[in-house]
Amino acid sequence: MATRQNSTNGKPKSPRIQVVLPELICEQLTILASNESRTVSNMAKVLIQEGIKKYFDKQGESLISENNLSTDKFRDELEKQSVRRLKRAPQRIRYYKKSE
């Protein structure tokens, strides 16, 4: 069963599981993760998600809500973006109302 911990601010963390992998699969997972600039655990999560989706598609069932699926797609797109550093301190943003 997955364990759930609390973060320092009191909010619950995502459930955690432990998996024992053969050495070969662990090496392959590490290679895939480095090819996609991901952590090994994030790559494992992505592969598990894809496997579960294929399984339910094959069974003709949908146990994943569309809301969670769109959130996962959005998160995956954000993770694919490159990290950009700010060149200087952020400036004040001014919002203007449209005059009619």
PDB file of N, CA and C in Angstrom:
ATOM      1  N   MET A   1       0.840  -1.177   0.000  1.00  0.00           N
ATOM      2  CA  MET A   1       0.000   0.000   0.000  1.00  0.00           C
ATOM      3  C   MET A   1       0.888   1.245   0.000  1.00  0.00           C
ATOM      4  N   ALA A   2       0.454   2.273  -0.711  1.00  0.00           N
ATOM      5  CA  ALA A   2       1.219   3.510  -0.797  1.00  0.00           C
ATOM      6  C   ALA A   2       1.172   4.251   0.529  1.00  0.00           C
ATOM      7  N   THR A   3       2.284   4.882   0.884  1.00  0.00           N
ATOM      8  CA  THR A   3       2.331   5.669   2.109  1.00  0.00           C
ATOM      9  C   THR A   3       2.230   7.142   1.754  1.00  0.00           C
ATOM     10  N   ARG A   4       1.594   7.893   2.636  1.00  0.00           N
ATOM     11  CA  ARG A   4       1.436   9.328   2.406  1.00  0.00           C
ATOM     12  C   ARG A   4       2.056  10.065   3.579  1.00  0.00           C
ATOM     13  N   GLN A   5       2.898  11.043   3.274  1.00  0.00           N
ATOM     14  CA  GLN A   5       3.554  11.837   4.302  1.00  0.00           C
ATOM     15  C   GLN A   5       3.083  13.276   4.199  1.00  0.00           C
ATOM     16  N   ASN A   6       3.359  14.053   5.214  1.00  0.00           N
ATOM     17  CA  ASN A   6       3.048  15.478   5.189  1.00  0.00           C
ATOM     18  C   ASN A   6       4.325  16.270   4.948  1.00  0.00           C
ATOM     19  N   SER A   7       4.190  17.366   4.192  1.00  0.00           N
ATOM     20  CA  SER A   7       5.345  18.230   3.965  1.00  0.00           C
ATOM     21  C   SER A   7       5.530  19.137   5.177  1.00  0.00           C
ATOM     22  N   THR A   8       6.552  19.956   5.151  1.00  0.00           N
ATOM     23  CA  THR A   8       6.844  20.831   6.290  1.00  0.00           C
ATOM     24  C   THR A   8       5.752  21.864   6.522  1.00  0.00           C
ATOM     25  N   ASN A   9       5.006  22.216   5.467  1.00  0.00           N
ATOM     26  CA  ASN A   9       3.930  23.187   5.646  1.00  0.00           C
ATOM     27  C   ASN A   9       2.600  22.518   6.010  1.00  0.00           C
ATOM     28  N   GLY A  10       2.611  21.196   6.218  1.00  0.00           N
ATOM     29  CA  GLY A  10       1.412  20.498   6.673  1.00  0.00           C
ATOM     30  C   GLY A  10       0.566  19.895   5.569  1.00  0.00           C
ATOM     31  N   LYS A  11       0.834  20.261   4.317  1.00  0.00           N
ATOM     32  CA  LYS A  11       0.049  19.701   3.215  1.00  0.00           C
ATOM     33  C   LYS A  11       0.490  18.273   2.949  1.00  0.00           C
ATOM     34  N   PRO A  12      -0.443  17.392   2.588  1.00  0.00           N
ATOM     35  CA  PRO A  12      -0.043  16.010   2.314  1.00  0.00           C
ATOM     36  C   PRO A  12       0.745  15.895   1.013  1.00  0.00           C
ATOM     37  N   LYS A  13       1.790  15.079   1.030  1.00  0.00           N
ATOM     38  CA  LYS A  13       2.580  14.814  -0.172  1.00  0.00           C
ATOM     39  C   LYS A  13       1.872  13.758  -1.009  1.00  0.00           C
ATOM     40  N   SER A  14       2.307  13.599  -2.243  1.00  0.00           N
ATOM     41  CA  SER A  14       1.778  12.543  -3.095  1.00  0.00           C
ATOM     42  C   SER A  14       2.127  11.182  -2.501  1.00  0.00           C
ATOM     43  N   PRO A  15       1.301  10.166  -2.738  1.00  0.00           N
ATOM     44  CA  PRO A  15       1.606   8.835  -2.202  1.00  0.00           C
ATOM     45  C   PRO A  15       2.935   8.316  -2.736  1.00  0.00           C
ATOM     46  N   ARG A  16       3.649   7.560  -1.916  1.00  0.00           N
ATOM     47  CA  ARG A  16       4.940   6.996  -2.274  1.00  0.00           C
ATOM     48  C   ARG A  16       4.843   5.478  -2.300  1.00  0.00           C
ATOM     49  N   ILE A  17       5.545   4.869  -3.248  1.00  0.00           N
ATOM     50  CA  ILE A  17       5.628   3.413  -3.298  1.00  0.00           C
ATOM     51  C   ILE A  17       7.089   3.026  -3.491  1.00  0.00           C
ATOM     52  N   GLN A  18       7.422   1.804  -3.148  1.00  0.00           N
ATOM     53  CA  GLN A  18       8.758   1.279  -3.407  1.00  0.00           C
ATOM     54  C   GLN A  18       8.638   0.156  -4.412  1.00  0.00           C
ATOM     55  N   VAL A  19       9.573   0.126  -5.351  1.00  0.00           N
ATOM     56  CA  VAL A  19       9.592  -0.912  -6.370  1.00  0.00           C
ATOM     57  C   VAL A  19      11.000  -1.477  -6.448  1.00  0.00           C
ATOM     58  N   VAL A  20      11.108  -2.787  -6.494  1.00  0.00           N
ATOM     59  CA  VAL A  20      12.403  -3.436  -6.657  1.00  0.00           C
ATOM     60  C   VAL A  20      12.531  -3.836  -8.125  1.00  0.00           C
ATOM     61  N   LEU A  21      13.597  -3.340  -8.776  1.00  0.00           N
ATOM     62  CA  LEU A  21      13.798  -3.591 -10.203  1.00  0.00           C
ATOM     63  C   LEU A  21      15.056  -4.411 -10.424  1.00  0.00           C
ATOM     64  N   PRO A  22      15.052  -5.246 -11.454  1.00  0.00           N
ATOM     65  CA  PRO A  22      16.298  -5.901 -11.857  1.00  0.00           C
ATOM     66  C   PRO A  22      17.296  -4.842 -12.344  1.00  0.00           C
ATOM     67  N   GLU A  23      18.559  -5.158 -12.241  1.00  0.00           N
ATOM     68  CA  GLU A  23      19.621  -4.212 -12.608  1.00  0.00           C
ATOM     69  C   GLU A  23      19.473  -3.706 -14.045  1.00  0.00           C
ATOM     70  N   LEU A  24      19.154  -4.587 -14.986  1.00  0.00           N
ATOM     71  CA  LEU A  24      19.030  -4.204 -16.392  1.00  0.00           C
ATOM     72  C   LEU A  24      17.915  -3.185 -16.591  1.00  0.00           C
ATOM     73  N   ILE A  25      16.768  -3.413 -15.985  1.00  0.00           N
ATOM     74  CA  ILE A  25      15.647  -2.480 -16.137  1.00  0.00           C
ATOM     75  C   ILE A  25      15.989  -1.136 -15.504  1.00  0.00           C
ATOM     76  N   CYS A  26      16.673  -1.165 -14.381  1.00  0.00           N
ATOM     77  CA  CYS A  26      17.080   0.081 -13.726  1.00  0.00           C
ATOM     78  C   CYS A  26      18.033   0.878 -14.619  1.00  0.00           C
ATOM     79  N   GLU A  27      18.963   0.223 -15.262  1.00  0.00           N
ATOM     80  CA  GLU A  27      19.890   0.896 -16.178  1.00  0.00           C
ATOM     81  C   GLU A  27      19.141   1.480 -17.377  1.00  0.00           C
ATOM     82  N   GLN A  28      18.195   0.709 -17.927  1.00  0.00           N
ATOM     83  CA  GLN A  28      17.417   1.193 -19.066  1.00  0.00           C
ATOM     84  C   GLN A  28      16.569   2.400 -18.667  1.00  0.00           C
ATOM     85  N   LEU A  29      15.992   2.351 -17.478  1.00  0.00           N
ATOM     86  CA  LEU A  29      15.190   3.467 -16.983  1.00  0.00           C
ATOM     87  C   LEU A  29      16.047   4.716 -16.813  1.00  0.00           C
ATOM     88  N   THR A  30      17.262   4.548 -16.325  1.00  0.00           N
ATOM     89  CA  THR A  30      18.185   5.670 -16.156  1.00  0.00           C
ATOM     90  C   THR A  30      18.555   6.281 -17.499  1.00  0.00           C
ATOM     91  N   ILE A  31      18.782   5.451 -18.497  1.00  0.00           N
ATOM     92  CA  ILE A  31      19.105   5.949 -19.847  1.00  0.00           C
ATOM     93  C   ILE A  31      17.931   6.719 -20.432  1.00  0.00           C
ATOM     94  N   LEU A  32      16.718   6.164 -20.312  1.00  0.00           N
ATOM     95  CA  LEU A  32      15.527   6.863 -20.813  1.00  0.00           C
ATOM     96  C   LEU A  32      15.356   8.213 -20.124  1.00  0.00           C
ATOM     97  N   ALA A  33      15.559   8.227 -18.817  1.00  0.00           N
ATOM     98  CA  ALA A  33      15.401   9.469 -18.057  1.00  0.00           C
ATOM     99  C   ALA A  33      16.395  10.527 -18.508  1.00  0.00           C
ATOM    100  N   SER A  34      17.636  10.142 -18.702  1.00  0.00           N
ATOM    101  CA  SER A  34      18.637  11.124 -19.134  1.00  0.00           C
ATOM    102  C   SER A  34      18.366  11.602 -20.561  1.00  0.00           C
ATOM    103  N   ASN A  35      17.854  10.731 -21.417  1.00  0.00           N
ATOM    104  CA  ASN A  35      17.520  11.131 -22.785  1.00  0.00           C
ATOM    105  C   ASN A  35      16.409  12.176 -22.812  1.00  0.00           C
ATOM    106  N   GLU A  36      15.495  12.133 -21.847  1.00  0.00           N
ATOM    107  CA  GLU A  36      14.375  13.078 -21.812  1.00  0.00           C
ATOM    108  C   GLU A  36      14.554  14.160 -20.757  1.00  0.00           C
ATOM    109  N   SER A  37      15.754  14.261 -20.196  1.00  0.00           N
ATOM    110  CA  SER A  37      16.069  15.261 -19.164  1.00  0.00           C
ATOM    111  C   SER A  37      15.080  15.204 -18.007  1.00  0.00           C
ATOM    112  N   ARG A  38      14.846  14.005 -17.524  1.00  0.00           N
ATOM    113  CA  ARG A  38      13.942  13.790 -16.399  1.00  0.00           C
ATOM    114  C   ARG A  38      14.697  13.094 -15.280  1.00  0.00           C
ATOM    115  N   THR A  39      14.102  13.113 -14.094  1.00  0.00           N
ATOM    116  CA  THR A  39      14.656  12.297 -13.026  1.00  0.00           C
ATOM    117  C   THR A  39      14.215  10.858 -13.272  1.00  0.00           C
ATOM    118  N   VAL A  40      14.905   9.923 -12.634  1.00  0.00           N
ATOM    119  CA  VAL A  40      14.557   8.512 -12.809  1.00  0.00           C
ATOM    120  C   VAL A  40      13.152   8.244 -12.271  1.00  0.00           C
ATOM    121  N   SER A  41      12.826   8.828 -11.118  1.00  0.00           N
ATOM    122  CA  SER A  41      11.497   8.592 -10.551  1.00  0.00           C
ATOM    123  C   SER A  41      10.399   9.208 -11.414  1.00  0.00           C
ATOM    124  N   ASN A  42      10.663  10.384 -12.007  1.00  0.00           N
ATOM    125  CA  ASN A  42       9.669  10.992 -12.884  1.00  0.00           C
ATOM    126  C   ASN A  42       9.487  10.169 -14.149  1.00  0.00           C
ATOM    127  N   MET A  43      10.585   9.628 -14.688  1.00  0.00           N
ATOM    128  CA  MET A  43      10.496   8.782 -15.873  1.00  0.00           C
ATOM    129  C   MET A  43       9.700   7.520 -15.559  1.00  0.00           C
ATOM    130  N   ALA A  44       9.917   6.941 -14.381  1.00  0.00           N
ATOM    131  CA  ALA A  44       9.156   5.762 -13.976  1.00  0.00           C
ATOM    132  C   ALA A  44       7.675   6.099 -13.878  1.00  0.00           C
ATOM    133  N   LYS A  45       7.362   7.271 -13.328  1.00  0.00           N
ATOM    134  CA  LYS A  45       5.961   7.708 -13.215  1.00  0.00           C
ATOM    135  C   LYS A  45       5.313   7.830 -14.597  1.00  0.00           C
ATOM    136  N   VAL A  46       6.039   8.443 -15.528  1.00  0.00           N
ATOM    137  CA  VAL A  46       5.511   8.626 -16.891  1.00  0.00           C
ATOM    138  C   VAL A  46       5.253   7.270 -17.549  1.00  0.00           C
ATOM    139  N   LEU A  47       6.205   6.352 -17.428  1.00  0.00           N
ATOM    140  CA  LEU A  47       6.049   5.030 -18.043  1.00  0.00           C
ATOM    141  C   LEU A  47       4.895   4.249 -17.402  1.00  0.00           C
ATOM    142  N   ILE A  48       4.741   4.383 -16.095  1.00  0.00           N
ATOM    143  CA  ILE A  48       3.622   3.713 -15.416  1.00  0.00           C
ATOM    144  C   ILE A  48       2.302   4.297 -15.895  1.00  0.00           C
ATOM    145  N   GLN A  49       2.228   5.635 -16.016  1.00  0.00           N
ATOM    146  CA  GLN A  49       1.002   6.273 -16.504  1.00  0.00           C
ATOM    147  C   GLN A  49       0.651   5.786 -17.907  1.00  0.00           C
ATOM    148  N   GLU A  50       1.653   5.718 -18.787  1.00  0.00           N
ATOM    149  CA  GLU A  50       1.407   5.264 -20.155  1.00  0.00           C
ATOM    150  C   GLU A  50       0.951   3.809 -20.169  1.00  0.00           C
ATOM    151  N   GLY A  51       1.570   2.975 -19.340  1.00  0.00           N
ATOM    152  CA  GLY A  51       1.186   1.568 -19.276  1.00  0.00           C
ATOM    153  C   GLY A  51      -0.231   1.391 -18.764  1.00  0.00           C
ATOM    154  N   ILE A  52      -0.617   2.148 -17.752  1.00  0.00           N
ATOM    155  CA  ILE A  52      -1.978   2.066 -17.218  1.00  0.00           C
ATOM    156  C   ILE A  52      -2.983   2.541 -18.262  1.00  0.00           C
ATOM    157  N   LYS A  53      -2.651   3.628 -18.964  1.00  0.00           N
ATOM    158  CA  LYS A  53      -3.560   4.144 -20.005  1.00  0.00           C
ATOM    159  C   LYS A  53      -3.750   3.105 -21.111  1.00  0.00           C
ATOM    160  N   LYS A  54      -2.649   2.484 -21.562  1.00  0.00           N
ATOM    161  CA  LYS A  54      -2.758   1.450 -22.600  1.00  0.00           C
ATOM    162  C   LYS A  54      -3.573   0.266 -22.109  1.00  0.00           C
ATOM    163  N   TYR A  55      -3.385  -0.109 -20.846  1.00  0.00           N
ATOM    164  CA  TYR A  55      -4.126  -1.242 -20.283  1.00  0.00           C
ATOM    165  C   TYR A  55      -5.628  -0.975 -20.309  1.00  0.00           C
ATOM    166  N   PHE A  56      -6.029   0.206 -19.842  1.00  0.00           N
ATOM    167  CA  PHE A  56      -7.458   0.512 -19.809  1.00  0.00           C
ATOM    168  C   PHE A  56      -8.018   0.742 -21.206  1.00  0.00           C
ATOM    169  N   ASP A  57      -7.208   1.284 -22.121  1.00  0.00           N
ATOM    170  CA  ASP A  57      -7.663   1.416 -23.506  1.00  0.00           C
ATOM    171  C   ASP A  57      -7.908   0.041 -24.114  1.00  0.00           C
ATOM    172  N   LYS A  58      -7.028  -0.904 -23.816  1.00  0.00           N
ATOM    173  CA  LYS A  58      -7.176  -2.268 -24.323  1.00  0.00           C
ATOM    174  C   LYS A  58      -8.416  -2.942 -23.742  1.00  0.00           C
ATOM    175  N   GLN A  59      -8.688  -2.683 -22.462  1.00  0.00           N
ATOM    176  CA  GLN A  59      -9.848  -3.261 -21.798  1.00  0.00           C
ATOM    177  C   GLN A  59     -11.139  -2.538 -22.170  1.00  0.00           C
ATOM    178  N   GLY A  60     -11.015  -1.366 -22.770  1.00  0.00           N
ATOM    179  CA  GLY A  60     -12.196  -0.598 -23.146  1.00  0.00           C
ATOM    180  C   GLY A  60     -12.840   0.098 -21.960  1.00  0.00           C
ATOM    181  N   GLU A  61     -12.069   0.320 -20.912  1.00  0.00           N
ATOM    182  CA  GLU A  61     -12.587   0.973 -19.721  1.00  0.00           C
ATOM    183  C   GLU A  61     -11.907   2.330 -19.565  1.00  0.00           C
ATOM    184  N   SER A  62     -12.582   3.198 -18.840  1.00  0.00           N
ATOM    185  CA  SER A  62     -11.984   4.494 -18.536  1.00  0.00           C
ATOM    186  C   SER A  62     -12.153   4.763 -17.053  1.00  0.00           C
ATOM    187  N   LEU A  63     -11.112   4.504 -16.288  1.00  0.00           N
ATOM    188  CA  LEU A  63     -11.139   4.782 -14.854  1.00  0.00           C
ATOM    189  C   LEU A  63     -10.421   6.082 -14.526  1.00  0.00           C
ATOM    190  N   ILE A  64      -9.865   6.745 -15.532  1.00  0.00           N
ATOM    191  CA  ILE A  64      -9.155   8.002 -15.324  1.00  0.00           C
ATOM    192  C   ILE A  64     -10.084   9.135 -15.742  1.00  0.00           C
ATOM    193  N   SER A  65     -10.328  10.068 -14.841  1.00  0.00           N
ATOM    194  CA  SER A  65     -11.211  11.179 -15.170  1.00  0.00           C
ATOM    195  C   SER A  65     -10.539  12.094 -16.185  1.00  0.00           C
ATOM    196  N   GLU A  66     -11.333  12.740 -17.004  1.00  0.00           N
ATOM    197  CA  GLU A  66     -10.793  13.637 -18.028  1.00  0.00           C
ATOM    198  C   GLU A  66     -10.110  14.835 -17.385  1.00  0.00           C
ATOM    199  N   ASN A  67     -10.594  15.260 -16.222  1.00  0.00           N
ATOM    200  CA  ASN A  67      -9.992  16.402 -15.536  1.00  0.00           C
ATOM    201  C   ASN A  67      -8.561  16.081 -15.116  1.00  0.00           C
ATOM    202  N   ASN A  68      -8.335  14.902 -14.536  1.00  0.00           N
ATOM    203  CA  ASN A  68      -6.993  14.514 -14.139  1.00  0.00           C
ATOM    204  C   ASN A  68      -6.097  14.335 -15.357  1.00  0.00           C
ATOM    205  N   LEU A  69      -6.653  13.813 -16.449  1.00  0.00           N
ATOM    206  CA  LEU A  69      -5.867  13.603 -17.654  1.00  0.00           C
ATOM    207  C   LEU A  69      -5.384  14.930 -18.233  1.00  0.00           C
ATOM    208  N   SER A  70      -6.267  15.946 -18.263  1.00  0.00           N
ATOM    209  CA  SER A  70      -5.865  17.242 -18.800  1.00  0.00           C
ATOM    210  C   SER A  70      -4.842  17.905 -17.880  1.00  0.00           C
ATOM    211  N   THR A  71      -4.975  17.715 -16.575  1.00  0.00           N
ATOM    212  CA  THR A  71      -3.985  18.251 -15.636  1.00  0.00           C
ATOM    213  C   THR A  71      -2.636  17.595 -15.861  1.00  0.00           C
ATOM    214  N   ASP A  72      -2.628  16.283 -16.065  1.00  0.00           N
ATOM    215  CA  ASP A  72      -1.369  15.577 -16.314  1.00  0.00           C
ATOM    216  C   ASP A  72      -0.731  16.037 -17.616  1.00  0.00           C
ATOM    217  N   LYS A  73      -1.540  16.263 -18.649  1.00  0.00           N
ATOM    218  CA  LYS A  73      -1.004  16.753 -19.926  1.00  0.00           C
ATOM    219  C   LYS A  73      -0.371  18.131 -19.740  1.00  0.00           C
ATOM    220  N   PHE A  74      -1.069  19.008 -18.998  1.00  0.00           N
ATOM    221  CA  PHE A  74      -0.562  20.346 -18.744  1.00  0.00           C
ATOM    222  C   PHE A  74       0.756  20.281 -17.986  1.00  0.00           C
ATOM    223  N   ARG A  75       0.823  19.431 -16.955  1.00  0.00           N
ATOM    224  CA  ARG A  75       2.038  19.281 -16.158  1.00  0.00           C
ATOM    225  C   ARG A  75       3.180  18.737 -17.010  1.00  0.00           C
ATOM    226  N   ASP A  76       2.870  17.752 -17.863  1.00  0.00           N
ATOM    227  CA  ASP A  76       3.908  17.182 -18.729  1.00  0.00           C
ATOM    228  C   ASP A  76       4.456  18.224 -19.702  1.00  0.00           C
ATOM    229  N   GLU A  77       3.569  19.082 -20.237  1.00  0.00           N
ATOM    230  CA  GLU A  77       4.020  20.134 -21.149  1.00  0.00           C
ATOM    231  C   GLU A  77       4.914  21.131 -20.424  1.00  0.00           C
ATOM    232  N   LEU A  78       4.567  21.466 -19.184  1.00  0.00           N
ATOM    233  CA  LEU A  78       5.414  22.373 -18.414  1.00  0.00           C
ATOM    234  C   LEU A  78       6.773  21.757 -18.135  1.00  0.00           C
ATOM    235  N   GLU A  79       6.797  20.452 -17.829  1.00  0.00           N
ATOM    236  CA  GLU A  79       8.057  19.786 -17.532  1.00  0.00           C
ATOM    237  C   GLU A  79       8.962  19.701 -18.747  1.00  0.00           C
ATOM    238  N   LYS A  80       8.389  19.702 -19.943  1.00  0.00           N
ATOM    239  CA  LYS A  80       9.184  19.615 -21.166  1.00  0.00           C
ATOM    240  C   LYS A  80       9.865  20.946 -21.508  1.00  0.00           C
ATOM    241  N   GLN A  81       9.337  22.059 -20.975  1.00  0.00           N
ATOM    242  CA  GLN A  81       9.896  23.368 -21.293  1.00  0.00           C
ATOM    243  C   GLN A  81      11.276  23.521 -20.669  1.00  0.00           C
ATOM    244  N   SER A  82      12.116  24.280 -21.341  1.00  0.00           N
ATOM    245  CA  SER A  82      13.450  24.518 -20.806  1.00  0.00           C
ATOM    246  C   SER A  82      13.374  25.583 -19.705  1.00  0.00           C
ATOM    247  N   VAL A  83      14.334  25.531 -18.811  1.00  0.00           N
ATOM    248  CA  VAL A  83      14.386  26.481 -17.704  1.00  0.00           C
ATOM    249  C   VAL A  83      15.117  27.728 -18.164  1.00  0.00           C
ATOM    250  N   ARG A  84      14.506  28.872 -17.917  1.00  0.00           N
ATOM    251  CA  ARG A  84      15.147  30.137 -18.284  1.00  0.00           C
ATOM    252  C   ARG A  84      15.423  30.926 -17.014  1.00  0.00           C
ATOM    253  N   ARG A  85      16.594  31.464 -16.918  1.00  0.00           N
ATOM    254  CA  ARG A  85      16.983  32.264 -15.756  1.00  0.00           C
ATOM    255  C   ARG A  85      16.709  33.739 -16.032  1.00  0.00           C
ATOM    256  N   LEU A  86      16.307  34.446 -14.996  1.00  0.00           N
ATOM    257  CA  LEU A  86      16.107  35.880 -15.136  1.00  0.00           C
ATOM    258  C   LEU A  86      17.462  36.571 -15.216  1.00  0.00           C
ATOM    259  N   LYS A  87      17.577  37.576 -16.081  1.00  0.00           N
ATOM    260  CA  LYS A  87      18.838  38.293 -16.238  1.00  0.00           C
ATOM    261  C   LYS A  87      18.993  39.380 -15.177  1.00  0.00           C
ATOM    262  N   ARG A  88      17.881  39.874 -14.662  1.00  0.00           N
ATOM    263  CA  ARG A  88      17.927  40.904 -13.621  1.00  0.00           C
ATOM    264  C   ARG A  88      16.684  40.753 -12.742  1.00  0.00           C
ATOM    265  N   ALA A  89      16.586  41.582 -11.763  1.00  0.00           N
ATOM    266  CA  ALA A  89      15.436  41.522 -10.869  1.00  0.00           C
ATOM    267  C   ALA A  89      14.161  41.873 -11.642  1.00  0.00           C
ATOM    268  N   PRO A  90      13.056  41.222 -11.319  1.00  0.00           N
ATOM    269  CA  PRO A  90      11.809  41.523 -12.025  1.00  0.00           C
ATOM    270  C   PRO A  90      11.380  42.971 -11.816  1.00  0.00           C
ATOM    271  N   GLN A  91      10.804  43.542 -12.847  1.00  0.00           N
ATOM    272  CA  GLN A  91      10.326  44.916 -12.763  1.00  0.00           C
ATOM    273  C   GLN A  91       8.845  44.907 -12.424  1.00  0.00           C
ATOM    274  N   ARG A  92       8.369  46.059 -11.973  1.00  0.00           N
ATOM    275  CA  ARG A  92       6.955  46.176 -11.634  1.00  0.00           C
ATOM    276  C   ARG A  92       6.097  46.016 -12.880  1.00  0.00           C
ATOM    277  N   ILE A  93       5.042  45.264 -12.740  1.00  0.00           N
ATOM    278  CA  ILE A  93       4.105  45.067 -13.858  1.00  0.00           C
ATOM    279  C   ILE A  93       2.957  46.036 -13.683  1.00  0.00           C
ATOM    280  N   ARG A  94       2.637  46.751 -14.725  1.00  0.00           N
ATOM    281  CA  ARG A  94       1.533  47.722 -14.670  1.00  0.00           C
ATOM    282  C   ARG A  94       0.393  47.225 -15.539  1.00  0.00           C
ATOM    283  N   TYR A  95      -0.768  47.259 -14.958  1.00  0.00           N
ATOM    284  CA  TYR A  95      -1.973  46.873 -15.686  1.00  0.00           C
ATOM    285  C   TYR A  95      -2.790  48.112 -16.008  1.00  0.00           C
ATOM    286  N   TYR A  96      -3.221  48.202 -17.240  1.00  0.00           N
ATOM    287  CA  TYR A  96      -4.010  49.357 -17.659  1.00  0.00           C
ATOM    288  C   TYR A  96      -5.421  48.905 -17.988  1.00  0.00           C
ATOM    289  N   LYS A  97      -6.402  49.709 -17.548  1.00  0.00           N
ATOM    290  CA  LYS A  97      -7.788  49.433 -17.888  1.00  0.00           C
ATOM    291  C   LYS A  97      -8.066  50.009 -19.269  1.00  0.00           C
ATOM    292  N   LYS A  98      -8.862  49.290 -20.031  1.00  0.00           N
ATOM    293  CA  LYS A  98      -9.247  49.795 -21.335  1.00  0.00           C
ATOM    294  C   LYS A  98     -10.232  50.938 -21.154  1.00  0.00           C
ATOM    295  N   SER A  99      -9.966  52.051 -21.811  1.00  0.00           N
ATOM    296  CA  SER A  99     -10.915  53.169 -21.728  1.00  0.00           C
ATOM    297  C   SER A  99     -11.950  52.995 -22.828  1.00  0.00           C
ATOM    298  N   GLU A 100     -13.168  53.306 -22.461  1.00  0.00           N
ATOM    299  CA  GLU A 100     -14.264  53.090 -23.427  1.00  0.00           C
ATOM    300  C   GLU A 100     -14.614  54.330 -24.181  1.00  0.00           C
TER     301      GLU A 100
END
